Amino acid sequence: MAKKERQKRSARQARSQERERSSADTQAVDEKSSASSRLAASVSRSHSKKEAKKRGRFLGYLADVKSEMHRVVWPTKAELKNYSIATVAALIVCGIATWLIDTGFISLLITYTNLRG
């Protein structure tokens, strides 16, 4: 039970840190997008406002990805081992079931058509 409480507490702390980071990231992205649009305008007039806006959106997207990756709860080594074993077992069971169904259909077709193939 203590482990769950620690996880909840750390999740709350991570969310509060994320809120602080996202507000700082939003301000930084706004500054970067305005700086990048000013830079784009000063360096070359061929870059349109639309392209600068796309860059700003892309930087915002990267900031969002970074913040989401901090929220991810990665499995422990033991959990990963259990999940992998369960996945392999499910694949084996599905493979055997498919093989049995295929064999059954083949035998039905051979019986129905009296052909050997």
PDB file of N, CA and C in Angstrom:
ATOM      1  N   MET A   1       0.820  -1.193   0.000  1.00  0.00           N
ATOM      2  CA  MET A   1       0.000   0.000   0.000  1.00  0.00           C
ATOM      3  C   MET A   1       0.863   1.254   0.000  1.00  0.00           C
ATOM      4  N   ALA A   2       1.998   1.183   0.687  1.00  0.00           N
ATOM      5  CA  ALA A   2       2.872   2.343   0.746  1.00  0.00           C
ATOM      6  C   ALA A   2       3.410   2.695  -0.642  1.00  0.00           C
ATOM      7  N   LYS A   3       3.633   1.680  -1.447  1.00  0.00           N
ATOM      8  CA  LYS A   3       4.152   1.924  -2.796  1.00  0.00           C
ATOM      9  C   LYS A   3       3.151   2.721  -3.619  1.00  0.00           C
ATOM     10  N   LYS A   4       1.857   2.376  -3.493  1.00  0.00           N
ATOM     11  CA  LYS A   4       0.834   3.106  -4.239  1.00  0.00           C
ATOM     12  C   LYS A   4       0.777   4.562  -3.792  1.00  0.00           C
ATOM     13  N   GLU A   5       0.889   4.784  -2.500  1.00  0.00           N
ATOM     14  CA  GLU A   5       0.867   6.154  -1.986  1.00  0.00           C
ATOM     15  C   GLU A   5       2.056   6.950  -2.500  1.00  0.00           C
ATOM     16  N   ARG A   6       3.226   6.312  -2.533  1.00  0.00           N
ATOM     17  CA  ARG A   6       4.413   6.991  -3.063  1.00  0.00           C
ATOM     18  C   ARG A   6       4.226   7.309  -4.534  1.00  0.00           C
ATOM     19  N   GLN A   7       3.630   6.363  -5.274  1.00  0.00           N
ATOM     20  CA  GLN A   7       3.401   6.600  -6.696  1.00  0.00           C
ATOM     21  C   GLN A   7       2.420   7.747  -6.913  1.00  0.00           C
ATOM     22  N   LYS A   8       1.354   7.776  -6.085  1.00  0.00           N
ATOM     23  CA  LYS A   8       0.392   8.858  -6.200  1.00  0.00           C
ATOM     24  C   LYS A   8       1.044  10.202  -5.888  1.00  0.00           C
ATOM     25  N   ARG A   9       1.849  10.220  -4.819  1.00  0.00           N
ATOM     26  CA  ARG A   9       2.519  11.447  -4.430  1.00  0.00           C
ATOM     27  C   ARG A   9       3.470  11.913  -5.529  1.00  0.00           C
ATOM     28  N   SER A  10       4.233  10.974  -6.085  1.00  0.00           N
ATOM     29  CA  SER A  10       5.176  11.359  -7.138  1.00  0.00           C
ATOM     30  C   SER A  10       4.430  11.796  -8.396  1.00  0.00           C
ATOM     31  N   ALA A  11       3.278  11.185  -8.658  1.00  0.00           N
ATOM     32  CA  ALA A  11       2.484  11.603  -9.812  1.00  0.00           C
ATOM     33  C   ALA A  11       1.960  13.026  -9.612  1.00  0.00           C
ATOM     34  N   ARG A  12       1.511  13.337  -8.392  1.00  0.00           N
ATOM     35  CA  ARG A  12       1.047  14.695  -8.104  1.00  0.00           C
ATOM     36  C   ARG A  12       2.180  15.696  -8.256  1.00  0.00           C
ATOM     37  N   GLN A  13       3.351  15.336  -7.742  1.00  0.00           N
ATOM     38  CA  GLN A  13       4.504  16.229  -7.874  1.00  0.00           C
ATOM     39  C   GLN A  13       4.876  16.422  -9.335  1.00  0.00           C
ATOM     40  N   ALA A  14       4.831  15.333 -10.099  1.00  0.00           N
ATOM     41  CA  ALA A  14       5.167  15.428 -11.518  1.00  0.00           C
ATOM     42  C   ALA A  14       4.172  16.320 -12.243  1.00  0.00           C
ATOM     43  N   ARG A  15       2.876  16.208 -11.895  1.00  0.00           N
ATOM     44  CA  ARG A  15       1.877  17.057 -12.535  1.00  0.00           C
ATOM     45  C   ARG A  15       2.093  18.521 -12.196  1.00  0.00           C
ATOM     46  N   SER A  16       2.410  18.813 -10.931  1.00  0.00           N
ATOM     47  CA  SER A  16       2.638  20.215 -10.565  1.00  0.00           C
ATOM     48  C   SER A  16       3.889  20.757 -11.254  1.00  0.00           C
ATOM     49  N   GLN A  17       4.936  19.936 -11.324  1.00  0.00           N
ATOM     50  CA  GLN A  17       6.135  20.368 -12.036  1.00  0.00           C
ATOM     51  C   GLN A  17       5.827  20.556 -13.514  1.00  0.00           C
ATOM     52  N   GLU A  18       4.993  19.684 -14.056  1.00  0.00           N
ATOM     53  CA  GLU A  18       4.625  19.776 -15.464  1.00  0.00           C
ATOM     54  C   GLU A  18       3.855  21.061 -15.738  1.00  0.00           C
ATOM     55  N   ARG A  19       2.948  21.414 -14.827  1.00  0.00           N
ATOM     56  CA  ARG A  19       2.211  22.662 -15.004  1.00  0.00           C
ATOM     57  C   ARG A  19       3.159  23.851 -15.033  1.00  0.00           C
ATOM     58  N   GLU A  20       4.131  23.841 -14.106  1.00  0.00           N
ATOM     59  CA  GLU A  20       5.116  24.927 -14.078  1.00  0.00           C
ATOM     60  C   GLU A  20       5.932  24.937 -15.362  1.00  0.00           C
ATOM     61  N   ARG A  21       6.361  23.736 -15.804  1.00  0.00           N
ATOM     62  CA  ARG A  21       7.161  23.631 -17.017  1.00  0.00           C
ATOM     63  C   ARG A  21       6.368  24.070 -18.243  1.00  0.00           C
ATOM     64  N   SER A  22       5.086  23.647 -18.300  1.00  0.00           N
ATOM     65  CA  SER A  22       4.293  23.982 -19.482  1.00  0.00           C
ATOM     66  C   SER A  22       4.056  25.481 -19.577  1.00  0.00           C
ATOM     67  N   SER A  23       3.859  26.143 -18.427  1.00  0.00           N
ATOM     68  CA  SER A  23       3.684  27.597 -18.497  1.00  0.00           C
ATOM     69  C   SER A  23       4.989  28.258 -18.922  1.00  0.00           C
ATOM     70  N   ALA A  24       6.114  27.761 -18.419  1.00  0.00           N
ATOM     71  CA  ALA A  24       7.412  28.304 -18.825  1.00  0.00           C
ATOM     72  C   ALA A  24       7.682  27.970 -20.294  1.00  0.00           C
ATOM     73  N   ASP A  25       7.346  26.745 -20.708  1.00  0.00           N
ATOM     74  CA  ASP A  25       7.548  26.341 -22.098  1.00  0.00           C
ATOM     75  C   ASP A  25       6.680  27.165 -23.039  1.00  0.00           C
ATOM     76  N   THR A  26       5.453  27.426 -22.625  1.00  0.00           N
ATOM     77  CA  THR A  26       4.552  28.218 -23.451  1.00  0.00           C
ATOM     78  C   THR A  26       5.115  29.614 -23.664  1.00  0.00           C
ATOM     79  N   GLN A  27       5.628  30.197 -22.574  1.00  0.00           N
ATOM     80  CA  GLN A  27       6.231  31.519 -22.705  1.00  0.00           C
ATOM     81  C   GLN A  27       7.472  31.455 -23.584  1.00  0.00           C
ATOM     82  N   ALA A  28       8.285  30.417 -23.393  1.00  0.00           N
ATOM     83  CA  ALA A  28       9.505  30.275 -24.193  1.00  0.00           C
ATOM     84  C   ALA A  28       9.160  30.049 -25.660  1.00  0.00           C
ATOM     85  N   VAL A  29       8.139  29.242 -25.908  1.00  0.00           N
ATOM     86  CA  VAL A  29       7.732  28.978 -27.291  1.00  0.00           C
ATOM     87  C   VAL A  29       7.202  30.251 -27.930  1.00  0.00           C
ATOM     88  N   ASP A  30       6.413  31.020 -27.159  1.00  0.00           N
ATOM     89  CA  ASP A  30       5.914  32.285 -27.689  1.00  0.00           C
ATOM     90  C   ASP A  30       7.067  33.215 -28.031  1.00  0.00           C
ATOM     91  N   GLU A  31       8.061  33.272 -27.131  1.00  0.00           N
ATOM     92  CA  GLU A  31       9.227  34.117 -27.387  1.00  0.00           C
ATOM     93  C   GLU A  31      10.020  33.592 -28.581  1.00  0.00           C
ATOM     94  N   LYS A  32      10.186  32.256 -28.639  1.00  0.00           N
ATOM     95  CA  LYS A  32      10.935  31.670 -29.750  1.00  0.00           C
ATOM     96  C   LYS A  32      10.214  31.892 -31.071  1.00  0.00           C
ATOM     97  N   SER A  33       8.887  31.717 -31.053  1.00  0.00           N
ATOM     98  CA  SER A  33       8.153  31.871 -32.306  1.00  0.00           C
ATOM     99  C   SER A  33       8.188  33.318 -32.761  1.00  0.00           C
ATOM    100  N   SER A  34       8.089  34.255 -31.814  1.00  0.00           N
ATOM    101  CA  SER A  34       8.165  35.654 -32.223  1.00  0.00           C
ATOM    102  C   SER A  34       9.581  35.997 -32.667  1.00  0.00           C
ATOM    103  N   ALA A  35      10.591  35.435 -31.962  1.00  0.00           N
ATOM    104  CA  ALA A  35      11.975  35.680 -32.356  1.00  0.00           C
ATOM    105  C   ALA A  35      12.272  35.022 -33.696  1.00  0.00           C
ATOM    106  N   SER A  36      11.766  33.799 -33.887  1.00  0.00           N
ATOM    107  CA  SER A  36      12.019  33.120 -35.156  1.00  0.00           C
ATOM    108  C   SER A  36      11.305  33.828 -36.300  1.00  0.00           C
ATOM    109  N   SER A  37      10.117  34.368 -36.047  1.00  0.00           N
ATOM    110  CA  SER A  37       9.426  35.088 -37.122  1.00  0.00           C
ATOM    111  C   SER A  37      10.136  36.389 -37.434  1.00  0.00           C
ATOM    112  N   ARG A  38      10.684  37.079 -36.396  1.00  0.00           N
ATOM    113  CA  ARG A  38      11.453  38.292 -36.653  1.00  0.00           C
ATOM    114  C   ARG A  38      12.730  37.970 -37.410  1.00  0.00           C
ATOM    115  N   LEU A  39      13.392  36.877 -36.996  1.00  0.00           N
ATOM    116  CA  LEU A  39      14.619  36.466 -37.665  1.00  0.00           C
ATOM    117  C   LEU A  39      14.346  36.081 -39.110  1.00  0.00           C
ATOM    118  N   ALA A  40      13.268  35.362 -39.323  1.00  0.00           N
ATOM    119  CA  ALA A  40      12.917  34.944 -40.683  1.00  0.00           C
ATOM    120  C   ALA A  40      12.627  36.153 -41.562  1.00  0.00           C
ATOM    121  N   ALA A  41      11.992  37.155 -40.995  1.00  0.00           N
ATOM    122  CA  ALA A  41      11.673  38.346 -41.771  1.00  0.00           C
ATOM    123  C   ALA A  41      12.929  39.147 -42.080  1.00  0.00           C
ATOM    124  N   SER A  42      13.858  39.190 -41.115  1.00  0.00           N
ATOM    125  CA  SER A  42      15.067  39.984 -41.335  1.00  0.00           C
ATOM    126  C   SER A  42      16.056  39.284 -42.248  1.00  0.00           C
ATOM    127  N   VAL A  43      16.163  37.956 -42.146  1.00  0.00           N
ATOM    128  CA  VAL A  43      17.121  37.227 -42.964  1.00  0.00           C
ATOM    129  C   VAL A  43      16.674  37.180 -44.403  1.00  0.00           C
ATOM    130  N   SER A  44      15.455  36.807 -44.635  1.00  0.00           N
ATOM    131  CA  SER A  44      14.988  36.654 -46.006  1.00  0.00           C
ATOM    132  C   SER A  44      13.513  36.981 -46.076  1.00  0.00           C
ATOM    133  N   ARG A  45      13.145  37.751 -47.061  1.00  0.00           N
ATOM    134  CA  ARG A  45      11.740  38.107 -47.245  1.00  0.00           C
ATOM    135  C   ARG A  45      10.968  36.982 -47.924  1.00  0.00           C
ATOM    136  N   SER A  46      11.680  35.946 -48.379  1.00  0.00           N
ATOM    137  CA  SER A  46      11.003  34.853 -49.075  1.00  0.00           C
ATOM    138  C   SER A  46      10.202  33.971 -48.120  1.00  0.00           C
ATOM    139  N   HIS A  47      10.581  33.989 -46.853  1.00  0.00           N
ATOM    140  CA  HIS A  47       9.829  33.206 -45.872  1.00  0.00           C
ATOM    141  C   HIS A  47       8.553  33.952 -45.524  1.00  0.00           C
ATOM    142  N   SER A  48       7.464  33.303 -45.680  1.00  0.00           N
ATOM    143  CA  SER A  48       6.188  33.955 -45.403  1.00  0.00           C
ATOM    144  C   SER A  48       5.816  33.807 -43.937  1.00  0.00           C
ATOM    145  N   LYS A  49       4.800  34.522 -43.548  1.00  0.00           N
ATOM    146  CA  LYS A  49       4.304  34.426 -42.177  1.00  0.00           C
ATOM    147  C   LYS A  49       3.754  33.033 -41.900  1.00  0.00           C
ATOM    148  N   LYS A  50       3.233  32.425 -42.951  1.00  0.00           N
ATOM    149  CA  LYS A  50       2.670  31.084 -42.800  1.00  0.00           C
ATOM    150  C   LYS A  50       3.750  30.087 -42.402  1.00  0.00           C
ATOM    151  N   GLU A  51       4.922  30.177 -43.011  1.00  0.00           N
ATOM    152  CA  GLU A  51       6.017  29.277 -42.669  1.00  0.00           C
ATOM    153  C   GLU A  51       6.501  29.523 -41.249  1.00  0.00           C
ATOM    154  N   ALA A  52       6.576  30.787 -40.843  1.00  0.00           N
ATOM    155  CA  ALA A  52       6.986  31.105 -39.472  1.00  0.00           C
ATOM    156  C   ALA A  52       5.964  30.568 -38.472  1.00  0.00           C
ATOM    157  N   LYS A  53       4.704  30.654 -38.834  1.00  0.00           N
ATOM    158  CA  LYS A  53       3.650  30.136 -37.963  1.00  0.00           C
ATOM    159  C   LYS A  53       3.767  28.616 -37.830  1.00  0.00           C
ATOM    160  N   LYS A  54       4.107  27.952 -38.967  1.00  0.00           N
ATOM    161  CA  LYS A  54       4.294  26.503 -38.926  1.00  0.00           C
ATOM    162  C   LYS A  54       5.453  26.145 -38.013  1.00  0.00           C
ATOM    163  N   ARG A  55       6.545  26.916 -38.086  1.00  0.00           N
ATOM    164  CA  ARG A  55       7.691  26.649 -37.207  1.00  0.00           C
ATOM    165  C   ARG A  55       7.302  26.812 -35.752  1.00  0.00           C
ATOM    166  N   GLY A  56       6.517  27.837 -35.467  1.00  0.00           N
ATOM    167  CA  GLY A  56       6.059  28.064 -34.100  1.00  0.00           C
ATOM    168  C   GLY A  56       5.185  26.919 -33.611  1.00  0.00           C
ATOM    169  N   ARG A  57       4.314  26.438 -34.493  1.00  0.00           N
ATOM    170  CA  ARG A  57       3.466  25.298 -34.127  1.00  0.00           C
ATOM    171  C   ARG A  57       4.299  24.052 -33.913  1.00  0.00           C
ATOM    172  N   PHE A  58       5.320  23.875 -34.758  1.00  0.00           N
ATOM    173  CA  PHE A  58       6.182  22.702 -34.619  1.00  0.00           C
ATOM    174  C   PHE A  58       6.963  22.752 -33.312  1.00  0.00           C
ATOM    175  N   LEU A  59       7.476  23.919 -32.946  1.00  0.00           N
ATOM    176  CA  LEU A  59       8.182  24.046 -31.669  1.00  0.00           C
ATOM    177  C   LEU A  59       7.234  23.797 -30.499  1.00  0.00           C
ATOM    178  N   GLY A  60       5.996  24.269 -30.634  1.00  0.00           N
ATOM    179  CA  GLY A  60       4.993  24.000 -29.601  1.00  0.00           C
ATOM    180  C   GLY A  60       4.695  22.518 -29.490  1.00  0.00           C
ATOM    181  N   TYR A  61       4.629  21.867 -30.650  1.00  0.00           N
ATOM    182  CA  TYR A  61       4.390  20.427 -30.666  1.00  0.00           C
ATOM    183  C   TYR A  61       5.533  19.694 -29.959  1.00  0.00           C
ATOM    184  N   LEU A  62       6.767  20.082 -30.257  1.00  0.00           N
ATOM    185  CA  LEU A  62       7.907  19.434 -29.599  1.00  0.00           C
ATOM    186  C   LEU A  62       7.894  19.669 -28.095  1.00  0.00           C
ATOM    187  N   ALA A  63       7.501  20.858 -27.678  1.00  0.00           N
ATOM    188  CA  ALA A  63       7.399  21.135 -26.242  1.00  0.00           C
ATOM    189  C   ALA A  63       6.324  20.256 -25.604  1.00  0.00           C
ATOM    190  N   ASP A  64       5.201  20.069 -26.306  1.00  0.00           N
ATOM    191  CA  ASP A  64       4.135  19.207 -25.790  1.00  0.00           C
ATOM    192  C   ASP A  64       4.598  17.752 -25.699  1.00  0.00           C
ATOM    193  N   VAL A  65       5.337  17.302 -26.709  1.00  0.00           N
ATOM    194  CA  VAL A  65       5.859  15.929 -26.681  1.00  0.00           C
ATOM    195  C   VAL A  65       6.791  15.743 -25.500  1.00  0.00           C
ATOM    196  N   LYS A  66       7.645  16.711 -25.279  1.00  0.00           N
ATOM    197  CA  LYS A  66       8.587  16.633 -24.156  1.00  0.00           C
ATOM    198  C   LYS A  66       7.836  16.565 -22.823  1.00  0.00           C
ATOM    199  N   SER A  67       6.810  17.389 -22.675  1.00  0.00           N
ATOM    200  CA  SER A  67       6.058  17.375 -21.419  1.00  0.00           C
ATOM    201  C   SER A  67       5.301  16.063 -21.236  1.00  0.00           C
ATOM    202  N   GLU A  68       4.766  15.501 -22.326  1.00  0.00           N
ATOM    203  CA  GLU A  68       4.073  14.221 -22.223  1.00  0.00           C
ATOM    204  C   GLU A  68       5.034  13.097 -21.869  1.00  0.00           C
ATOM    205  N   MET A  69       6.244  13.145 -22.390  1.00  0.00           N
ATOM    206  CA  MET A  69       7.218  12.099 -22.090  1.00  0.00           C
ATOM    207  C   MET A  69       7.612  12.116 -20.613  1.00  0.00           C
ATOM    208  N   HIS A  70       7.516  13.287 -19.969  1.00  0.00           N
ATOM    209  CA  HIS A  70       7.790  13.337 -18.533  1.00  0.00           C
ATOM    210  C   HIS A  70       6.658  12.697 -17.735  1.00  0.00           C
ATOM    211  N   ARG A  71       5.469  12.643 -18.300  1.00  0.00           N
ATOM    212  CA  ARG A  71       4.318  12.049 -17.613  1.00  0.00           C
ATOM    213  C   ARG A  71       4.262  10.533 -17.743  1.00  0.00           C
ATOM    214  N   VAL A  72       5.006   9.986 -18.680  1.00  0.00           N
ATOM    215  CA  VAL A  72       4.944   8.553 -18.934  1.00  0.00           C
ATOM    216  C   VAL A  72       5.479   7.790 -17.724  1.00  0.00           C
ATOM    217  N   VAL A  73       4.741   6.774 -17.321  1.00  0.00           N
ATOM    218  CA  VAL A  73       5.193   5.891 -16.246  1.00  0.00           C
ATOM    219  C   VAL A  73       5.716   4.629 -16.915  1.00  0.00           C
ATOM    220  N   TRP A  74       7.027   4.477 -16.937  1.00  0.00           N
ATOM    221  CA  TRP A  74       7.648   3.352 -17.599  1.00  0.00           C
ATOM    222  C   TRP A  74       7.573   2.121 -16.709  1.00  0.00           C
ATOM    223  N   PRO A  75       7.387   0.945 -17.294  1.00  0.00           N
ATOM    224  CA  PRO A  75       7.304  -0.270 -16.471  1.00  0.00           C
ATOM    225  C   PRO A  75       8.665  -0.623 -15.879  1.00  0.00           C
ATOM    226  N   THR A  76       8.608  -1.310 -14.738  1.00  0.00           N
ATOM    227  CA  THR A  76       9.845  -1.787 -14.133  1.00  0.00           C
ATOM    228  C   THR A  76      10.347  -2.988 -14.924  1.00  0.00           C
ATOM    229  N   LYS A  77      11.548  -3.443 -14.580  1.00  0.00           N
ATOM    230  CA  LYS A  77      12.127  -4.570 -15.302  1.00  0.00           C
ATOM    231  C   LYS A  77      11.275  -5.831 -15.116  1.00  0.00           C
ATOM    232  N   ALA A  78      10.777  -6.048 -13.902  1.00  0.00           N
ATOM    233  CA  ALA A  78       9.942  -7.229 -13.631  1.00  0.00           C
ATOM    234  C   ALA A  78       8.621  -7.151 -14.392  1.00  0.00           C
ATOM    235  N   GLU A  79       8.006  -5.957 -14.410  1.00  0.00           N
ATOM    236  CA  GLU A  79       6.756  -5.797 -15.140  1.00  0.00           C
ATOM    237  C   GLU A  79       6.970  -6.020 -16.635  1.00  0.00           C
ATOM    238  N   LEU A  80       8.055  -5.495 -17.162  1.00  0.00           N
ATOM    239  CA  LEU A  80       8.356  -5.670 -18.581  1.00  0.00           C
ATOM    240  C   LEU A  80       8.553  -7.140 -18.928  1.00  0.00           C
ATOM    241  N   LYS A  81       9.208  -7.868 -18.027  1.00  0.00           N
ATOM    242  CA  LYS A  81       9.412  -9.308 -18.244  1.00  0.00           C
ATOM    243  C   LYS A  81       8.067 -10.033 -18.263  1.00  0.00           C
ATOM    244  N   ASN A  82       7.200  -9.706 -17.304  1.00  0.00           N
ATOM    245  CA  ASN A  82       5.878 -10.343 -17.252  1.00  0.00           C
ATOM    246  C   ASN A  82       5.056 -10.017 -18.501  1.00  0.00           C
ATOM    247  N   TYR A  83       5.070  -8.762 -18.932  1.00  0.00           N
ATOM    248  CA  TYR A  83       4.325  -8.366 -20.124  1.00  0.00           C
ATOM    249  C   TYR A  83       4.851  -9.083 -21.358  1.00  0.00           C
ATOM    250  N   SER A  84       6.164  -9.214 -21.444  1.00  0.00           N
ATOM    251  CA  SER A  84       6.762  -9.888 -22.605  1.00  0.00           C
ATOM    252  C   SER A  84       6.371 -11.363 -22.637  1.00  0.00           C
ATOM    253  N   ILE A  85       6.408 -12.014 -21.495  1.00  0.00           N
ATOM    254  CA  ILE A  85       6.024 -13.427 -21.418  1.00  0.00           C
ATOM    255  C   ILE A  85       4.555 -13.593 -21.797  1.00  0.00           C
ATOM    256  N   ALA A  86       3.710 -12.700 -21.297  1.00  0.00           N
ATOM    257  CA  ALA A  86       2.284 -12.770 -21.617  1.00  0.00           C
ATOM    258  C   ALA A  86       2.049 -12.562 -23.117  1.00  0.00           C
ATOM    259  N   THR A  87       2.796 -11.660 -23.720  1.00  0.00           N
ATOM    260  CA  THR A  87       2.650 -11.401 -25.152  1.00  0.00           C
ATOM    261  C   THR A  87       3.067 -12.614 -25.976  1.00  0.00           C
ATOM    262  N   VAL A  88       4.200 -13.205 -25.639  1.00  0.00           N
ATOM    263  CA  VAL A  88       4.675 -14.376 -26.377  1.00  0.00           C
ATOM    264  C   VAL A  88       3.697 -15.540 -26.213  1.00  0.00           C
ATOM    265  N   ALA A  89       3.179 -15.727 -24.987  1.00  0.00           N
ATOM    266  CA  ALA A  89       2.215 -16.804 -24.754  1.00  0.00           C
ATOM    267  C   ALA A  89       0.939 -16.578 -25.579  1.00  0.00           C
ATOM    268  N   ALA A  90       0.461 -15.341 -25.630  1.00  0.00           N
ATOM    269  CA  ALA A  90      -0.738 -15.043 -26.418  1.00  0.00           C
ATOM    270  C   ALA A  90      -0.490 -15.290 -27.903  1.00  0.00           C
ATOM    271  N   LEU A  91       0.702 -14.943 -28.390  1.00  0.00           N
ATOM    272  CA  LEU A  91       1.034 -15.197 -29.794  1.00  0.00           C
ATOM    273  C   LEU A  91       1.050 -16.689 -30.097  1.00  0.00           C
ATOM    274  N   ILE A  92       1.603 -17.468 -29.183  1.00  0.00           N
ATOM    275  CA  ILE A  92       1.660 -18.917 -29.385  1.00  0.00           C
ATOM    276  C   ILE A  92       0.247 -19.500 -29.408  1.00  0.00           C
ATOM    277  N   VAL A  93      -0.594 -19.072 -28.474  1.00  0.00           N
ATOM    278  CA  VAL A  93      -1.973 -19.576 -28.421  1.00  0.00           C
ATOM    279  C   VAL A  93      -2.732 -19.193 -29.685  1.00  0.00           C
ATOM    280  N   CYS A  94      -2.601 -17.961 -30.132  1.00  0.00           N
ATOM    281  CA  CYS A  94      -3.293 -17.528 -31.365  1.00  0.00           C
ATOM    282  C   CYS A  94      -2.752 -18.277 -32.576  1.00  0.00           C
ATOM    283  N   GLY A  95      -1.461 -18.531 -32.623  1.00  0.00           N
ATOM    284  CA  GLY A  95      -0.887 -19.283 -33.730  1.00  0.00           C
ATOM    285  C   GLY A  95      -1.407 -20.706 -33.785  1.00  0.00           C
ATOM    286  N   ILE A  96      -1.481 -21.355 -32.634  1.00  0.00           N
ATOM    287  CA  ILE A  96      -2.006 -22.731 -32.584  1.00  0.00           C
ATOM    288  C   ILE A  96      -3.480 -22.753 -32.978  1.00  0.00           C
ATOM    289  N   ALA A  97      -4.254 -21.775 -32.503  1.00  0.00           N
ATOM    290  CA  ALA A  97      -5.677 -21.718 -32.859  1.00  0.00           C
ATOM    291  C   ALA A  97      -5.850 -21.524 -34.362  1.00  0.00           C
ATOM    292  N   THR A  98      -5.058 -20.651 -34.950  1.00  0.00           N
ATOM    293  CA  THR A  98      -5.127 -20.437 -36.402  1.00  0.00           C
ATOM    294  C   THR A  98      -4.759 -21.699 -37.157  1.00  0.00           C
ATOM    295  N   TRP A  99      -3.717 -22.379 -36.698  1.00  0.00           N
ATOM    296  CA  TRP A  99      -3.282 -23.627 -37.344  1.00  0.00           C
ATOM    297  C   TRP A  99      -4.388 -24.681 -37.280  1.00  0.00           C
ATOM    298  N   LEU A 100      -5.044 -24.815 -36.106  1.00  0.00           N
ATOM    299  CA  LEU A 100      -6.115 -25.797 -35.962  1.00  0.00           C
ATOM    300  C   LEU A 100      -7.304 -25.469 -36.871  1.00  0.00           C
ATOM    301  N   ILE A 101      -7.683 -24.207 -36.929  1.00  0.00           N
ATOM    302  CA  ILE A 101      -8.803 -23.812 -37.790  1.00  0.00           C
ATOM    303  C   ILE A 101      -8.461 -24.064 -39.246  1.00  0.00           C
ATOM    304  N   ASP A 102      -7.235 -23.720 -39.650  1.00  0.00           N
ATOM    305  CA  ASP A 102      -6.801 -23.954 -41.028  1.00  0.00           C
ATOM    306  C   ASP A 102      -6.809 -25.441 -41.356  1.00  0.00           C
ATOM    307  N   THR A 103      -6.301 -26.255 -40.447  1.00  0.00           N
ATOM    308  CA  THR A 103      -6.282 -27.703 -40.656  1.00  0.00           C
ATOM    309  C   THR A 103      -7.708 -28.247 -40.774  1.00  0.00           C
ATOM    310  N   GLY A 104      -8.610 -27.737 -39.957  1.00  0.00           N
ATOM    311  CA  GLY A 104     -10.008 -28.161 -40.021  1.00  0.00           C
ATOM    312  C   GLY A 104     -10.651 -27.808 -41.352  1.00  0.00           C
ATOM    313  N   PHE A 105     -10.426 -26.604 -41.829  1.00  0.00           N
ATOM    314  CA  PHE A 105     -10.977 -26.209 -43.130  1.00  0.00           C
ATOM    315  C   PHE A 105     -10.407 -27.050 -44.263  1.00  0.00           C
ATOM    316  N   ILE A 106      -9.112 -27.327 -44.205  1.00  0.00           N
ATOM    317  CA  ILE A 106      -8.495 -28.163 -45.246  1.00  0.00           C
ATOM    318  C   ILE A 106      -9.116 -29.553 -45.246  1.00  0.00           C
ATOM    319  N   SER A 107      -9.283 -30.142 -44.062  1.00  0.00           N
ATOM    320  CA  SER A 107      -9.878 -31.481 -44.007  1.00  0.00           C
ATOM    321  C   SER A 107     -11.331 -31.462 -44.490  1.00  0.00           C
ATOM    322  N   LEU A 108     -12.075 -30.406 -44.185  1.00  0.00           N
ATOM    323  CA  LEU A 108     -13.446 -30.288 -44.690  1.00  0.00           C
ATOM    324  C   LEU A 108     -13.466 -30.173 -46.210  1.00  0.00           C
ATOM    325  N   LEU A 109     -12.571 -29.397 -46.760  1.00  0.00           N
ATOM    326  CA  LEU A 109     -12.527 -29.253 -48.214  1.00  0.00           C
ATOM    327  C   LEU A 109     -12.123 -30.558 -48.885  1.00  0.00           C
ATOM    328  N   ILE A 110     -11.176 -31.261 -48.296  1.00  0.00           N
ATOM    329  CA  ILE A 110     -10.753 -32.548 -48.869  1.00  0.00           C
ATOM    330  C   ILE A 110     -11.914 -33.542 -48.815  1.00  0.00           C
ATOM    331  N   THR A 111     -12.627 -33.559 -47.691  1.00  0.00           N
ATOM    332  CA  THR A 111     -13.754 -34.468 -47.539  1.00  0.00           C
ATOM    333  C   THR A 111     -14.878 -34.100 -48.507  1.00  0.00           C
ATOM    334  N   TYR A 112     -15.171 -32.827 -48.648  1.00  0.00           N
ATOM    335  CA  TYR A 112     -16.277 -32.361 -49.489  1.00  0.00           C
ATOM    336  C   TYR A 112     -15.987 -32.578 -50.969  1.00  0.00           C
ATOM    337  N   THR A 113     -14.762 -32.296 -51.406  1.00  0.00           N
ATOM    338  CA  THR A 113     -14.455 -32.344 -52.829  1.00  0.00           C
ATOM    339  C   THR A 113     -13.811 -33.663 -53.270  1.00  0.00           C
ATOM    340  N   ASN A 114     -13.438 -34.497 -52.321  1.00  0.00           N
ATOM    341  CA  ASN A 114     -12.743 -35.752 -52.587  1.00  0.00           C
ATOM    342  C   ASN A 114     -11.448 -35.537 -53.396  1.00  0.00           C
ATOM    343  N   LEU A 115     -10.810 -34.409 -53.149  1.00  0.00           N
ATOM    344  CA  LEU A 115      -9.543 -34.129 -53.819  1.00  0.00           C
ATOM    345  C   LEU A 115      -8.424 -34.156 -52.788  1.00  0.00           C
ATOM    346  N   ARG A 116      -7.257 -34.493 -53.224  1.00  0.00           N
ATOM    347  CA  ARG A 116      -6.070 -34.438 -52.367  1.00  0.00           C
ATOM    348  C   ARG A 116      -5.197 -33.306 -52.878  1.00  0.00           C
ATOM    349  N   GLY A 117      -4.751 -32.467 -51.993  1.00  0.00           N
ATOM    350  CA  GLY A 117      -3.968 -31.370 -52.471  1.00  0.00           C
ATOM    351  C   GLY A 117      -2.813 -31.144 -51.688  1.00  0.00           C
TER     352      GLY A 117
END
